[in-house]
PDB file of N, CA and C in Angstrom:
ATOM      1  N   MET A   1       0.840  -1.172   0.000  1.00  0.00           N
ATOM      2  CA  MET A   1       0.000   0.000   0.000  1.00  0.00           C
ATOM      3  C   MET A   1       0.890   1.241   0.000  1.00  0.00           C
ATOM      4  N   MET A   2       0.454   2.274  -0.707  1.00  0.00           N
ATOM      5  CA  MET A   2       1.228   3.498  -0.818  1.00  0.00           C
ATOM      6  C   MET A   2       0.403   4.668  -0.298  1.00  0.00           C
ATOM      7  N   LYS A   3       1.065   5.602   0.386  1.00  0.00           N
ATOM      8  CA  LYS A   3       0.425   6.828   0.839  1.00  0.00           C
ATOM      9  C   LYS A   3       1.123   7.988   0.167  1.00  0.00           C
ATOM     10  N   SER A   4       0.353   8.815  -0.526  1.00  0.00           N
ATOM     11  CA  SER A   4       0.907   9.961  -1.219  1.00  0.00           C
ATOM     12  C   SER A   4       0.393  11.228  -0.551  1.00  0.00           C
ATOM     13  N   ILE A   5       1.287  12.185  -0.396  1.00  0.00           N
ATOM     14  CA  ILE A   5       0.916  13.487   0.141  1.00  0.00           C
ATOM     15  C   ILE A   5       1.207  14.481  -0.981  1.00  0.00           C
ATOM     16  N   PRO A   6       0.265  14.584  -1.942  1.00  0.00           N
ATOM     17  CA  PRO A   6       0.570  15.271  -3.197  1.00  0.00           C
ATOM     18  C   PRO A   6       0.627  16.791  -3.133  1.00  0.00           C
ATOM     19  N   GLN A   7      -0.041  17.436  -2.198  1.00  0.00           N
ATOM     20  CA  GLN A   7      -0.125  18.887  -2.202  1.00  0.00           C
ATOM     21  C   GLN A   7       0.833  19.580  -1.238  1.00  0.00           C
ATOM     22  N   LEU A   8       1.452  18.855  -0.342  1.00  0.00           N
ATOM     23  CA  LEU A   8       2.325  19.462   0.654  1.00  0.00           C
ATOM     24  C   LEU A   8       3.585  20.009  -0.012  1.00  0.00           C
ATOM     25  N   ARG A   9       3.787  21.312   0.100  1.00  0.00           N
ATOM     26  CA  ARG A   9       4.944  21.961  -0.506  1.00  0.00           C
ATOM     27  C   ARG A   9       5.988  22.376   0.531  1.00  0.00           C
ATOM     28  N   GLU A  10       5.534  22.622   1.750  1.00  0.00           N
ATOM     29  CA  GLU A  10       6.445  23.073   2.783  1.00  0.00           C
ATOM     30  C   GLU A  10       6.008  22.498   4.125  1.00  0.00           C
ATOM     31  N   LEU A  11       6.974  22.013   4.878  1.00  0.00           N
ATOM     32  CA  LEU A  11       6.715  21.494   6.213  1.00  0.00           C
ATOM     33  C   LEU A  11       7.734  22.110   7.152  1.00  0.00           C
ATOM     34  N   LYS A  12       7.240  22.892   8.123  1.00  0.00           N
ATOM     35  CA  LYS A  12       8.108  23.528   9.110  1.00  0.00           C
ATOM     36  C   LYS A  12       7.671  23.102  10.503  1.00  0.00           C
ATOM     37  N   ILE A  13       8.623  22.625  11.270  1.00  0.00           N
ATOM     38  CA  ILE A  13       8.367  22.281  12.667  1.00  0.00           C
ATOM     39  C   ILE A  13       9.492  22.906  13.477  1.00  0.00           C
ATOM     40  N   ARG A  14       9.120  23.691  14.468  1.00  0.00           N
ATOM     41  CA  ARG A  14      10.101  24.398  15.299  1.00  0.00           C
ATOM     42  C   ARG A  14       9.756  24.272  16.775  1.00  0.00           C
ATOM     43  N   GLU A  15      10.797  24.191  17.563  1.00  0.00           N
ATOM     44  CA  GLU A  15      10.691  24.265  19.016  1.00  0.00           C
ATOM     45  C   GLU A  15       9.585  23.370  19.582  1.00  0.00           C
ATOM     46  N   CYS A  16       9.725  22.114  19.335  1.00  0.00           N
ATOM     47  CA  CYS A  16       8.756  21.139  19.819  1.00  0.00           C
ATOM     48  C   CYS A  16       9.505  20.107  20.666  1.00  0.00           C
ATOM     49  N   GLU A  17       9.447  20.261  21.965  1.00  0.00           N
ATOM     50  CA  GLU A  17      10.213  19.439  22.904  1.00  0.00           C
ATOM     51  C   GLU A  17       9.823  17.962  22.891  1.00  0.00           C
ATOM     52  N   MET A  18       8.551  17.658  22.706  1.00  0.00           N
ATOM     53  CA  MET A  18       8.053  16.291  22.885  1.00  0.00           C
ATOM     54  C   MET A  18       8.128  15.428  21.627  1.00  0.00           C
ATOM     55  N   LEU A  19       8.263  16.025  20.477  1.00  0.00           N
ATOM     56  CA  LEU A  19       8.214  15.285  19.219  1.00  0.00           C
ATOM     57  C   LEU A  19       9.446  14.396  19.045  1.00  0.00           C
ATOM     58  N   SER A  20       9.223  13.099  18.799  1.00  0.00           N
ATOM     59  CA  SER A  20      10.349  12.183  18.594  1.00  0.00           C
ATOM     60  C   SER A  20      10.395  11.624  17.168  1.00  0.00           C
ATOM     61  N   ARG A  21       9.295  11.722  16.437  1.00  0.00           N
ATOM     62  CA  ARG A  21       9.232  11.285  15.046  1.00  0.00           C
ATOM     63  C   ARG A  21       8.052  11.989  14.389  1.00  0.00           C
ATOM     64  N   ILE A  22       8.086  12.073  13.056  1.00  0.00           N
ATOM     65  CA  ILE A  22       7.069  12.838  12.336  1.00  0.00           C
ATOM     66  C   ILE A  22       6.142  11.936  11.537  1.00  0.00           C
ATOM     67  N   VAL A  23       6.688  11.022  10.746  1.00  0.00           N
ATOM     68  CA  VAL A  23       5.868  10.104   9.956  1.00  0.00           C
ATOM     69  C   VAL A  23       5.856   8.756  10.666  1.00  0.00           C
ATOM     70  N   VAL A  24       4.663   8.351  11.097  1.00  0.00           N
ATOM     71  CA  VAL A  24       4.489   7.063  11.764  1.00  0.00           C
ATOM     72  C   VAL A  24       3.259   6.414  11.161  1.00  0.00           C
ATOM     73  N   GLU A  25       3.398   5.194  10.698  1.00  0.00           N
ATOM     74  CA  GLU A  25       2.260   4.454  10.146  1.00  0.00           C
ATOM     75  C   GLU A  25       2.362   3.019  10.619  1.00  0.00           C
ATOM     76  N   GLU A  26       1.532   2.678  11.583  1.00  0.00           N
ATOM     77  CA  GLU A  26       1.550   1.319  12.125  1.00  0.00           C
ATOM     78  C   GLU A  26       0.131   0.803  12.266  1.00  0.00           C
ATOM     79  N   ASN A  27      -0.013  -0.509  12.176  1.00  0.00           N
ATOM     80  CA  ASN A  27      -1.305  -1.124  12.425  1.00  0.00           C
ATOM     81  C   ASN A  27      -1.416  -1.475  13.914  1.00  0.00           C
ATOM     82  N   GLU A  28      -2.464  -2.187  14.301  1.00  0.00           N
ATOM     83  CA  GLU A  28      -2.669  -2.520  15.716  1.00  0.00           C
ATOM     84  C   GLU A  28      -1.564  -3.390  16.302  1.00  0.00           C
ATOM     85  N   MET A  29      -0.827  -4.092  15.459  1.00  0.00           N
ATOM     86  CA  MET A  29       0.222  -4.987  15.941  1.00  0.00           C
ATOM     87  C   MET A  29       1.584  -4.290  15.951  1.00  0.00           C
ATOM     88  N   GLY A  30       1.597  -2.966  15.712  1.00  0.00           N
ATOM     89  CA  GLY A  30       2.846  -2.228  15.723  1.00  0.00           C
ATOM     90  C   GLY A  30       3.667  -2.387  14.455  1.00  0.00           C
ATOM     91  N   GLU A  31       3.051  -2.914  13.397  1.00  0.00           N
ATOM     92  CA  GLU A  31       3.755  -3.123  12.139  1.00  0.00           C
ATOM     93  C   GLU A  31       3.299  -2.090  11.117  1.00  0.00           C
ATOM     94  N   SER A  32       4.167  -1.766  10.198  1.00  0.00           N
ATOM     95  CA  SER A  32       3.840  -0.815   9.146  1.00  0.00           C
ATOM     96  C   SER A  32       2.836  -1.445   8.185  1.00  0.00           C
ATOM     97  N   SER A  33       1.787  -0.696   7.838  1.00  0.00           N
ATOM     98  CA  SER A  33       0.797  -1.190   6.884  1.00  0.00           C
ATOM     99  C   SER A  33       1.036  -0.597   5.491  1.00  0.00           C
ATOM    100  N   MET A  34       2.093   0.177   5.333  1.00  0.00           N
ATOM    101  CA  MET A  34       2.407   0.780   4.044  1.00  0.00           C
ATOM    102  C   MET A  34       3.800   0.368   3.615  1.00  0.00           C
ATOM    103  N   ASP A  35       4.001   0.367   2.315  1.00  0.00           N
ATOM    104  CA  ASP A  35       5.343   0.072   1.821  1.00  0.00           C
ATOM    105  C   ASP A  35       6.027   1.299   1.239  1.00  0.00           C
ATOM    106  N   LYS A  36       5.275   2.419   1.070  1.00  0.00           N
ATOM    107  CA  LYS A  36       5.868   3.627   0.511  1.00  0.00           C
ATOM    108  C   LYS A  36       5.061   4.862   0.910  1.00  0.00           C
ATOM    109  N   VAL A  37       5.761   5.956   1.185  1.00  0.00           N
ATOM    110  CA  VAL A  37       5.138   7.263   1.404  1.00  0.00           C
ATOM    111  C   VAL A  37       5.830   8.237   0.462  1.00  0.00           C
ATOM    112  N   GLU A  38       5.023   8.993  -0.290  1.00  0.00           N
ATOM    113  CA  GLU A  38       5.561   9.950  -1.246  1.00  0.00           C
ATOM    114  C   GLU A  38       5.156  11.368  -0.862  1.00  0.00           C
ATOM    115  N   PHE A  39       6.132  12.250  -0.799  1.00  0.00           N
ATOM    116  CA  PHE A  39       5.899  13.677  -0.657  1.00  0.00           C
ATOM    117  C   PHE A  39       6.185  14.269  -2.045  1.00  0.00           C
ATOM    118  N   LEU A  40       5.184  14.247  -2.909  1.00  0.00           N
ATOM    119  CA  LEU A  40       5.398  14.509  -4.330  1.00  0.00           C
ATOM    120  C   LEU A  40       5.783  15.943  -4.667  1.00  0.00           C
ATOM    121  N   GLN A  41       5.323  16.914  -3.907  1.00  0.00           N
ATOM    122  CA  GLN A  41       5.590  18.321  -4.214  1.00  0.00           C
ATOM    123  C   GLN A  41       6.395  19.034  -3.131  1.00  0.00           C
ATOM    124  N   LEU A  42       6.911  18.318  -2.171  1.00  0.00           N
ATOM    125  CA  LEU A  42       7.611  18.943  -1.062  1.00  0.00           C
ATOM    126  C   LEU A  42       8.832  19.704  -1.564  1.00  0.00           C
ATOM    127  N   GLU A  43       8.827  21.006  -1.345  1.00  0.00           N
ATOM    128  CA  GLU A  43       9.922  21.861  -1.781  1.00  0.00           C
ATOM    129  C   GLU A  43      10.820  22.269  -0.621  1.00  0.00           C
ATOM    130  N   ARG A  44      10.277  22.276   0.582  1.00  0.00           N
ATOM    131  CA  ARG A  44      11.056  22.748   1.721  1.00  0.00           C
ATOM    132  C   ARG A  44      10.668  21.971   2.979  1.00  0.00           C
ATOM    133  N   LEU A  45      11.687  21.486   3.674  1.00  0.00           N
ATOM    134  CA  LEU A  45      11.503  20.791   4.945  1.00  0.00           C
ATOM    135  C   LEU A  45      12.381  21.485   5.971  1.00  0.00           C
ATOM    136  N   VAL A  46      11.751  22.000   7.038  1.00  0.00           N
ATOM    137  CA  VAL A  46      12.470  22.732   8.075  1.00  0.00           C
ATOM    138  C   VAL A  46      12.195  22.056   9.417  1.00  0.00           C
ATOM    139  N   LEU A  47      13.262  21.620  10.061  1.00  0.00           N
ATOM    140  CA  LEU A  47      13.175  20.990  11.379  1.00  0.00           C
ATOM    141  C   LEU A  47      14.177  21.714  12.273  1.00  0.00           C
ATOM    142  N   ILE A  48      13.679  22.523  13.200  1.00  0.00           N
ATOM    143  CA  ILE A  48      14.545  23.364  14.024  1.00  0.00           C
ATOM    144  C   ILE A  48      14.175  23.226  15.494  1.00  0.00           C
ATOM    145  N   SER A  49      15.171  23.041  16.320  1.00  0.00           N
ATOM    146  CA  SER A  49      15.019  22.986  17.777  1.00  0.00           C
ATOM    147  C   SER A  49      13.983  21.951  18.202  1.00  0.00           C
ATOM    148  N   ILE A  50      14.232  20.719  17.786  1.00  0.00           N
ATOM    149  CA  ILE A  50      13.385  19.588  18.178  1.00  0.00           C
ATOM    150  C   ILE A  50      14.320  18.597  18.869  1.00  0.00           C
ATOM    151  N   PRO A  51      14.630  18.824  20.129  1.00  0.00           N
ATOM    152  CA  PRO A  51      15.702  18.076  20.800  1.00  0.00           C
ATOM    153  C   PRO A  51      15.464  16.579  20.939  1.00  0.00           C
ATOM    154  N   ASN A  52      14.223  16.136  20.937  1.00  0.00           N
ATOM    155  CA  ASN A  52      13.941  14.705  21.096  1.00  0.00           C
ATOM    156  C   ASN A  52      13.623  13.996  19.785  1.00  0.00           C
ATOM    157  N   LEU A  53      13.739  14.694  18.668  1.00  0.00           N
ATOM    158  CA  LEU A  53      13.463  14.087  17.364  1.00  0.00           C
ATOM    159  C   LEU A  53      14.553  13.080  17.032  1.00  0.00           C
ATOM    160  N   ARG A  54      14.174  11.801  16.958  1.00  0.00           N
ATOM    161  CA  ARG A  54      15.142  10.743  16.637  1.00  0.00           C
ATOM    162  C   ARG A  54      15.207  10.478  15.153  1.00  0.00           C
ATOM    163  N   ARG A  55      14.061  10.616  14.475  1.00  0.00           N
ATOM    164  CA  ARG A  55      14.031  10.415  13.026  1.00  0.00           C
ATOM    165  C   ARG A  55      12.778  11.048  12.440  1.00  0.00           C
ATOM    166  N   PHE A  56      12.844  11.367  11.172  1.00  0.00           N
ATOM    167  CA  PHE A  56      11.703  11.928  10.460  1.00  0.00           C
ATOM    168  C   PHE A  56      10.629  10.860  10.271  1.00  0.00           C
ATOM    169  N   CYS A  57      11.047   9.664   9.907  1.00  0.00           N
ATOM    170  CA  CYS A  57      10.111   8.569   9.653  1.00  0.00           C
ATOM    171  C   CYS A  57      10.477   7.366  10.511  1.00  0.00           C
ATOM    172  N   ASN A  58       9.511   6.872  11.254  1.00  0.00           N
ATOM    173  CA  ASN A  58       9.753   5.781  12.198  1.00  0.00           C
ATOM    174  C   ASN A  58       9.308   4.423  11.654  1.00  0.00           C
ATOM    175  N   SER A  59       9.119   4.329  10.363  1.00  0.00           N
ATOM    176  CA  SER A  59       8.670   3.076   9.767  1.00  0.00           C
ATOM    177  C   SER A  59       9.698   2.595   8.750  1.00  0.00           C
ATOM    178  N   THR A  60       9.591   1.341   8.357  1.00  0.00           N
ATOM    179  CA  THR A  60      10.565   0.763   7.437  1.00  0.00           C
ATOM    180  C   THR A  60      10.165   0.911   5.967  1.00  0.00           C
ATOM    181  N   HIS A  61       9.059   1.590   5.691  1.00  0.00           N
ATOM    182  CA  HIS A  61       8.654   1.755   4.300  1.00  0.00           C
ATOM    183  C   HIS A  61       9.536   2.764   3.579  1.00  0.00           C
ATOM    184  N   THR A  62       9.487   2.755   2.266  1.00  0.00           N
ATOM    185  CA  THR A  62      10.249   3.680   1.433  1.00  0.00           C
ATOM    186  C   THR A  62       9.648   5.073   1.536  1.00  0.00           C
ATOM    187  N   LEU A  63      10.502   6.052   1.667  1.00  0.00           N
ATOM    188  CA  LEU A  63      10.102   7.451   1.736  1.00  0.00           C
ATOM    189  C   LEU A  63      10.624   8.127   0.469  1.00  0.00           C
ATOM    190  N   GLU A  64       9.704   8.700  -0.333  1.00  0.00           N
ATOM    191  CA  GLU A  64      10.096   9.306  -1.595  1.00  0.00           C
ATOM    192  C   GLU A  64       9.972  10.818  -1.533  1.00  0.00           C
ATOM    193  N   LEU A  65      11.071  11.493  -1.840  1.00  0.00           N
ATOM    194  CA  LEU A  65      11.157  12.949  -1.883  1.00  0.00           C
ATOM    195  C   LEU A  65      11.751  13.321  -3.241  1.00  0.00           C
ATOM    196  N   PRO A  66      10.922  13.342  -4.319  1.00  0.00           N
ATOM    197  CA  PRO A  66      11.466  13.432  -5.670  1.00  0.00           C
ATOM    198  C   PRO A  66      11.877  14.820  -6.153  1.00  0.00           C
ATOM    199  N   TRP A  67      11.396  15.884  -5.537  1.00  0.00           N
ATOM    200  CA  TRP A  67      11.647  17.218  -6.089  1.00  0.00           C
ATOM    201  C   TRP A  67      12.877  17.862  -5.489  1.00  0.00           C
ATOM    202  N   PRO A  68      13.590  18.659  -6.299  1.00  0.00           N
ATOM    203  CA  PRO A  68      14.683  19.459  -5.738  1.00  0.00           C
ATOM    204  C   PRO A  68      14.097  20.422  -4.713  1.00  0.00           C
ATOM    205  N   SER A  69      14.615  20.401  -3.514  1.00  0.00           N
ATOM    206  CA  SER A  69      14.061  21.183  -2.432  1.00  0.00           C
ATOM    207  C   SER A  69      15.148  21.660  -1.499  1.00  0.00           C
ATOM    208  N   GLU A  70      14.717  22.279  -0.447  1.00  0.00           N
ATOM    209  CA  GLU A  70      15.626  22.760   0.578  1.00  0.00           C
ATOM    210  C   GLU A  70      15.303  22.054   1.888  1.00  0.00           C
ATOM    211  N   MET A  71      16.331  21.649   2.585  1.00  0.00           N
ATOM    212  CA  MET A  71      16.142  21.055   3.905  1.00  0.00           C
ATOM    213  C   MET A  71      16.984  21.845   4.892  1.00  0.00           C
ATOM    214  N   ASP A  72      16.358  22.269   5.973  1.00  0.00           N
ATOM    215  CA  ASP A  72      17.041  22.999   7.030  1.00  0.00           C
ATOM    216  C   ASP A  72      16.886  22.180   8.308  1.00  0.00           C
ATOM    217  N   LEU A  73      17.966  21.640   8.775  1.00  0.00           N
ATOM    218  CA  LEU A  73      17.972  20.776   9.954  1.00  0.00           C
ATOM    219  C   LEU A  73      18.919  21.405  10.977  1.00  0.00           C
ATOM    220  N   ARG A  74      18.338  21.910  12.074  1.00  0.00           N
ATOM    221  CA  ARG A  74      19.158  22.563  13.099  1.00  0.00           C
ATOM    222  C   ARG A  74      18.674  22.175  14.492  1.00  0.00           C
ATOM    223  N   PHE A  75      19.614  21.952  15.352  1.00  0.00           N
ATOM    224  CA  PHE A  75      19.357  21.695  16.766  1.00  0.00           C
ATOM    225  C   PHE A  75      18.396  20.522  16.982  1.00  0.00           C
ATOM    226  N   CYS A  76      18.609  19.468  16.224  1.00  0.00           N
ATOM    227  CA  CYS A  76      17.883  18.207  16.389  1.00  0.00           C
ATOM    228  C   CYS A  76      18.921  17.170  16.797  1.00  0.00           C
ATOM    229  N   ARG A  77      19.498  17.351  17.958  1.00  0.00           N
ATOM    230  CA  ARG A  77      20.662  16.587  18.397  1.00  0.00           C
ATOM    231  C   ARG A  77      20.408  15.094  18.599  1.00  0.00           C
ATOM    232  N   SER A  78      19.174  14.704  18.793  1.00  0.00           N
ATOM    233  CA  SER A  78      18.871  13.284  19.003  1.00  0.00           C
ATOM    234  C   SER A  78      18.651  12.530  17.700  1.00  0.00           C
ATOM    235  N   MET A  79      18.542  13.246  16.588  1.00  0.00           N
ATOM    236  CA  MET A  79      18.273  12.593  15.308  1.00  0.00           C
ATOM    237  C   MET A  79      19.480  11.744  14.909  1.00  0.00           C
ATOM    238  N   ASP A  80      19.277  10.429  14.914  1.00  0.00           N
ATOM    239  CA  ASP A  80      20.365   9.511  14.581  1.00  0.00           C
ATOM    240  C   ASP A  80      20.228   8.919  13.190  1.00  0.00           C
ATOM    241  N   THR A  81      19.062   9.041  12.582  1.00  0.00           N
ATOM    242  CA  THR A  81      18.830   8.610  11.209  1.00  0.00           C
ATOM    243  C   THR A  81      17.590   9.335  10.695  1.00  0.00           C
ATOM    244  N   PHE A  82      17.467   9.486   9.394  1.00  0.00           N
ATOM    245  CA  PHE A  82      16.314  10.187   8.827  1.00  0.00           C
ATOM    246  C   PHE A  82      15.081   9.295   8.812  1.00  0.00           C
ATOM    247  N   SER A  83      15.256   8.027   8.472  1.00  0.00           N
ATOM    248  CA  SER A  83      14.146   7.083   8.370  1.00  0.00           C
ATOM    249  C   SER A  83      14.655   5.671   8.638  1.00  0.00           C
ATOM    250  N   LEU A  84      13.772   4.805   9.120  1.00  0.00           N
ATOM    251  CA  LEU A  84      14.145   3.398   9.308  1.00  0.00           C
ATOM    252  C   LEU A  84      14.152   2.647   7.983  1.00  0.00           C
ATOM    253  N   GLY A  85      13.465   3.203   6.980  1.00  0.00           N
ATOM    254  CA  GLY A  85      13.414   2.573   5.664  1.00  0.00           C
ATOM    255  C   GLY A  85      14.281   3.316   4.661  1.00  0.00           C
ATOM    256  N   TYR A  86      14.187   2.875   3.421  1.00  0.00           N
ATOM    257  CA  TYR A  86      14.938   3.485   2.323  1.00  0.00           C
ATOM    258  C   TYR A  86      14.381   4.878   2.027  1.00  0.00           C
ATOM    259  N   VAL A  87      15.255   5.846   1.780  1.00  0.00           N
ATOM    260  CA  VAL A  87      14.855   7.201   1.424  1.00  0.00           C
ATOM    261  C   VAL A  87      15.303   7.471  -0.006  1.00  0.00           C
ATOM    262  N   SER A  88      14.348   7.769  -0.875  1.00  0.00           N
ATOM    263  CA  SER A  88      14.650   8.129  -2.252  1.00  0.00           C
ATOM    264  C   SER A  88      14.575   9.645  -2.375  1.00  0.00           C
ATOM    265  N   ALA A  89      15.743  10.260  -2.561  1.00  0.00           N
ATOM    266  CA  ALA A  89      15.839  11.709  -2.746  1.00  0.00           C
ATOM    267  C   ALA A  89      16.885  11.956  -3.838  1.00  0.00           C
ATOM    268  N   PRO A  90      16.527  11.647  -5.089  1.00  0.00           N
ATOM    269  CA  PRO A  90      17.518  11.633  -6.163  1.00  0.00           C
ATOM    270  C   PRO A  90      18.167  12.973  -6.469  1.00  0.00           C
ATOM    271  N   ASN A  91      17.513  14.072  -6.136  1.00  0.00           N
ATOM    272  CA  ASN A  91      18.059  15.387  -6.463  1.00  0.00           C
ATOM    273  C   ASN A  91      18.673  16.100  -5.266  1.00  0.00           C
ATOM    274  N   LEU A  92      18.844  15.402  -4.188  1.00  0.00           N
ATOM    275  CA  LEU A  92      19.380  15.998  -2.970  1.00  0.00           C
ATOM    276  C   LEU A  92      20.870  16.276  -3.117  1.00  0.00           C
ATOM    277  N   LEU A  93      21.245  17.496  -2.793  1.00  0.00           N
ATOM    278  CA  LEU A  93      22.645  17.889  -2.760  1.00  0.00           C
ATOM    279  C   LEU A  93      23.016  18.181  -1.312  1.00  0.00           C
ATOM    280  N   LEU A  94      24.088  17.607  -0.862  1.00  0.00           N
ATOM    281  CA  LEU A  94      24.554  17.848   0.499  1.00  0.00           C
ATOM    282  C   LEU A  94      25.971  18.422   0.418  1.00  0.00           C
ATOM    283  N   PRO A  95      26.082  19.728   0.255  1.00  0.00           N
ATOM    284  CA  PRO A  95      27.403  20.331   0.124  1.00  0.00           C
ATOM    285  C   PRO A  95      28.284  20.032   1.340  1.00  0.00           C
ATOM    286  N   GLY A  96      29.493  19.594   1.059  1.00  0.00           N
ATOM    287  CA  GLY A  96      30.446  19.347   2.126  1.00  0.00           C
ATOM    288  C   GLY A  96      30.285  18.025   2.852  1.00  0.00           C
ATOM    289  N   ILE A  97      29.307  17.217   2.434  1.00  0.00           N
ATOM    290  CA  ILE A  97      29.077  15.932   3.094  1.00  0.00           C
ATOM    291  C   ILE A  97      29.125  14.832   2.046  1.00  0.00           C
ATOM    292  N   SER A  98      29.898  13.805   2.318  1.00  0.00           N
ATOM    293  CA  SER A  98      29.940  12.648   1.441  1.00  0.00           C
ATOM    294  C   SER A  98      28.803  11.715   1.850  1.00  0.00           C
ATOM    295  N   TRP A  99      27.776  11.651   1.047  1.00  0.00           N
ATOM    296  CA  TRP A  99      26.610  10.858   1.448  1.00  0.00           C
ATOM    297  C   TRP A  99      26.270   9.758   0.474  1.00  0.00           C
ATOM    298  N   ASN A 100      26.824   9.748  -0.713  1.00  0.00           N
ATOM    299  CA  ASN A 100      26.665   8.668  -1.689  1.00  0.00           C
ATOM    300  C   ASN A 100      25.217   8.271  -1.923  1.00  0.00           C
ATOM    301  N   GLY A 101      24.307   9.234  -1.908  1.00  0.00           N
ATOM    302  CA  GLY A 101      22.908   8.962  -2.206  1.00  0.00           C
ATOM    303  C   GLY A 101      22.095   8.390  -1.069  1.00  0.00           C
ATOM    304  N   ASP A 102      22.678   8.237   0.105  1.00  0.00           N
ATOM    305  CA  ASP A 102      21.968   7.653   1.237  1.00  0.00           C
ATOM    306  C   ASP A 102      21.773   8.706   2.321  1.00  0.00           C
ATOM    307  N   LEU A 103      20.565   9.268   2.387  1.00  0.00           N
ATOM    308  CA  LEU A 103      20.265  10.322   3.354  1.00  0.00           C
ATOM    309  C   LEU A 103      20.409   9.828   4.787  1.00  0.00           C
ATOM    310  N   ASN A 104      20.083   8.576   5.034  1.00  0.00           N
ATOM    311  CA  ASN A 104      20.245   8.027   6.389  1.00  0.00           C
ATOM    312  C   ASN A 104      21.709   8.073   6.828  1.00  0.00           C
ATOM    313  N   ASN A 105      22.620   7.702   5.932  1.00  0.00           N
ATOM    314  CA  ASN A 105      24.043   7.763   6.271  1.00  0.00           C
ATOM    315  C   ASN A 105      24.499   9.189   6.530  1.00  0.00           C
ATOM    316  N   ALA A 106      23.979  10.127   5.757  1.00  0.00           N
ATOM    317  CA  ALA A 106      24.349  11.530   5.956  1.00  0.00           C
ATOM    318  C   ALA A 106      23.915  12.013   7.335  1.00  0.00           C
ATOM    319  N   VAL A 107      22.685  11.703   7.728  1.00  0.00           N
ATOM    320  CA  VAL A 107      22.192  12.117   9.042  1.00  0.00           C
ATOM    321  C   VAL A 107      22.978  11.414  10.148  1.00  0.00           C
ATOM    322  N   GLN A 108      23.292  10.145   9.946  1.00  0.00           N
ATOM    323  CA  GLN A 108      24.096   9.425  10.938  1.00  0.00           C
ATOM    324  C   GLN A 108      25.475  10.056  11.087  1.00  0.00           C
ATOM    325  N   SER A 109      26.067  10.484   9.986  1.00  0.00           N
ATOM    326  CA  SER A 109      27.373  11.146  10.046  1.00  0.00           C
ATOM    327  C   SER A 109      27.286  12.459  10.813  1.00  0.00           C
ATOM    328  N   LEU A 110      26.233  13.220  10.548  1.00  0.00           N
ATOM    329  CA  LEU A 110      26.031  14.476  11.277  1.00  0.00           C
ATOM    330  C   LEU A 110      25.845  14.217  12.765  1.00  0.00           C
ATOM    331  N   HIS A 111      25.050  13.204  13.077  1.00  0.00           N
ATOM    332  CA  HIS A 111      24.785  12.864  14.477  1.00  0.00           C
ATOM    333  C   HIS A 111      26.079  12.454  15.184  1.00  0.00           C
ATOM    334  N   LYS A 112      26.859  11.630  14.525  1.00  0.00           N
ATOM    335  CA  LYS A 112      28.108  11.155  15.128  1.00  0.00           C
ATOM    336  C   LYS A 112      29.105  12.277  15.339  1.00  0.00           C
ATOM    337  N   SER A 113      29.109  13.244  14.460  1.00  0.00           N
ATOM    338  CA  SER A 113      30.063  14.339  14.596  1.00  0.00           C
ATOM    339  C   SER A 113      29.504  15.479  15.456  1.00  0.00           C
ATOM    340  N   HIS A 114      28.298  15.301  15.972  1.00  0.00           N
ATOM    341  CA  HIS A 114      27.659  16.260  16.889  1.00  0.00           C
ATOM    342  C   HIS A 114      27.521  17.653  16.286  1.00  0.00           C
ATOM    343  N   ILE A 115      27.182  17.691  15.009  1.00  0.00           N
ATOM    344  CA  ILE A 115      26.923  18.980  14.375  1.00  0.00           C
ATOM    345  C   ILE A 115      25.491  19.373  14.697  1.00  0.00           C
ATOM    346  N   ALA A 116      25.308  20.503  15.359  1.00  0.00           N
ATOM    347  CA  ALA A 116      23.982  20.945  15.785  1.00  0.00           C
ATOM    348  C   ALA A 116      23.267  21.756  14.717  1.00  0.00           C
ATOM    349  N   LYS A 117      23.983  22.253  13.753  1.00  0.00           N
ATOM    350  CA  LYS A 117      23.357  23.054  12.708  1.00  0.00           C
ATOM    351  C   LYS A 117      23.910  22.639  11.355  1.00  0.00           C
ATOM    352  N   HIS A 118      23.007  22.325  10.447  1.00  0.00           N
ATOM    353  CA  HIS A 118      23.437  22.026   9.094  1.00  0.00           C
ATOM    354  C   HIS A 118      22.288  22.319   8.151  1.00  0.00           C
ATOM    355  N   THR A 119      22.541  23.089   7.122  1.00  0.00           N
ATOM    356  CA  THR A 119      21.543  23.409   6.122  1.00  0.00           C
ATOM    357  C   THR A 119      21.990  22.801   4.804  1.00  0.00           C
ATOM    358  N   VAL A 120      21.074  22.121   4.141  1.00  0.00           N
ATOM    359  CA  VAL A 120      21.396  21.480   2.867  1.00  0.00           C
ATOM    360  C   VAL A 120      20.306  21.803   1.860  1.00  0.00           C
ATOM    361  N   GLU A 121      20.628  21.662   0.595  1.00  0.00           N
ATOM    362  CA  GLU A 121      19.631  21.746  -0.462  1.00  0.00           C
ATOM    363  C   GLU A 121      19.493  20.389  -1.092  1.00  0.00           C
ATOM    364  N   TRP A 122      18.261  20.013  -1.420  1.00  0.00           N
ATOM    365  CA  TRP A 122      18.030  18.739  -2.097  1.00  0.00           C
ATOM    366  C   TRP A 122      17.070  18.958  -3.228  1.00  0.00           C
TER     367      TRP A 122
END
């Protein structure tokens, strides 16, 4: 099953102490009922001062971010990976970071190096 969010162009979340994840899709047994989530028109993703955010997506399904966009990730010190599943972001550019097409690895590298502020374009 696929979930598409076709009209969302911008998502901004700031200063939210309690938030630990943003996309969660589970059935009654705690398992994901979807195999893919698409943000078809997302142009900008801003996540700022969310100290307990561990990941954007807490499920193992594929997350698709197909459009060239901007991502601003600052002061999300607990974020250890972007998603538990595969992230497709073919047009993402991460200046100064060797990420080899894997957004999860890029976020893990940032987390390991304790960088509190990083702005990228994708």
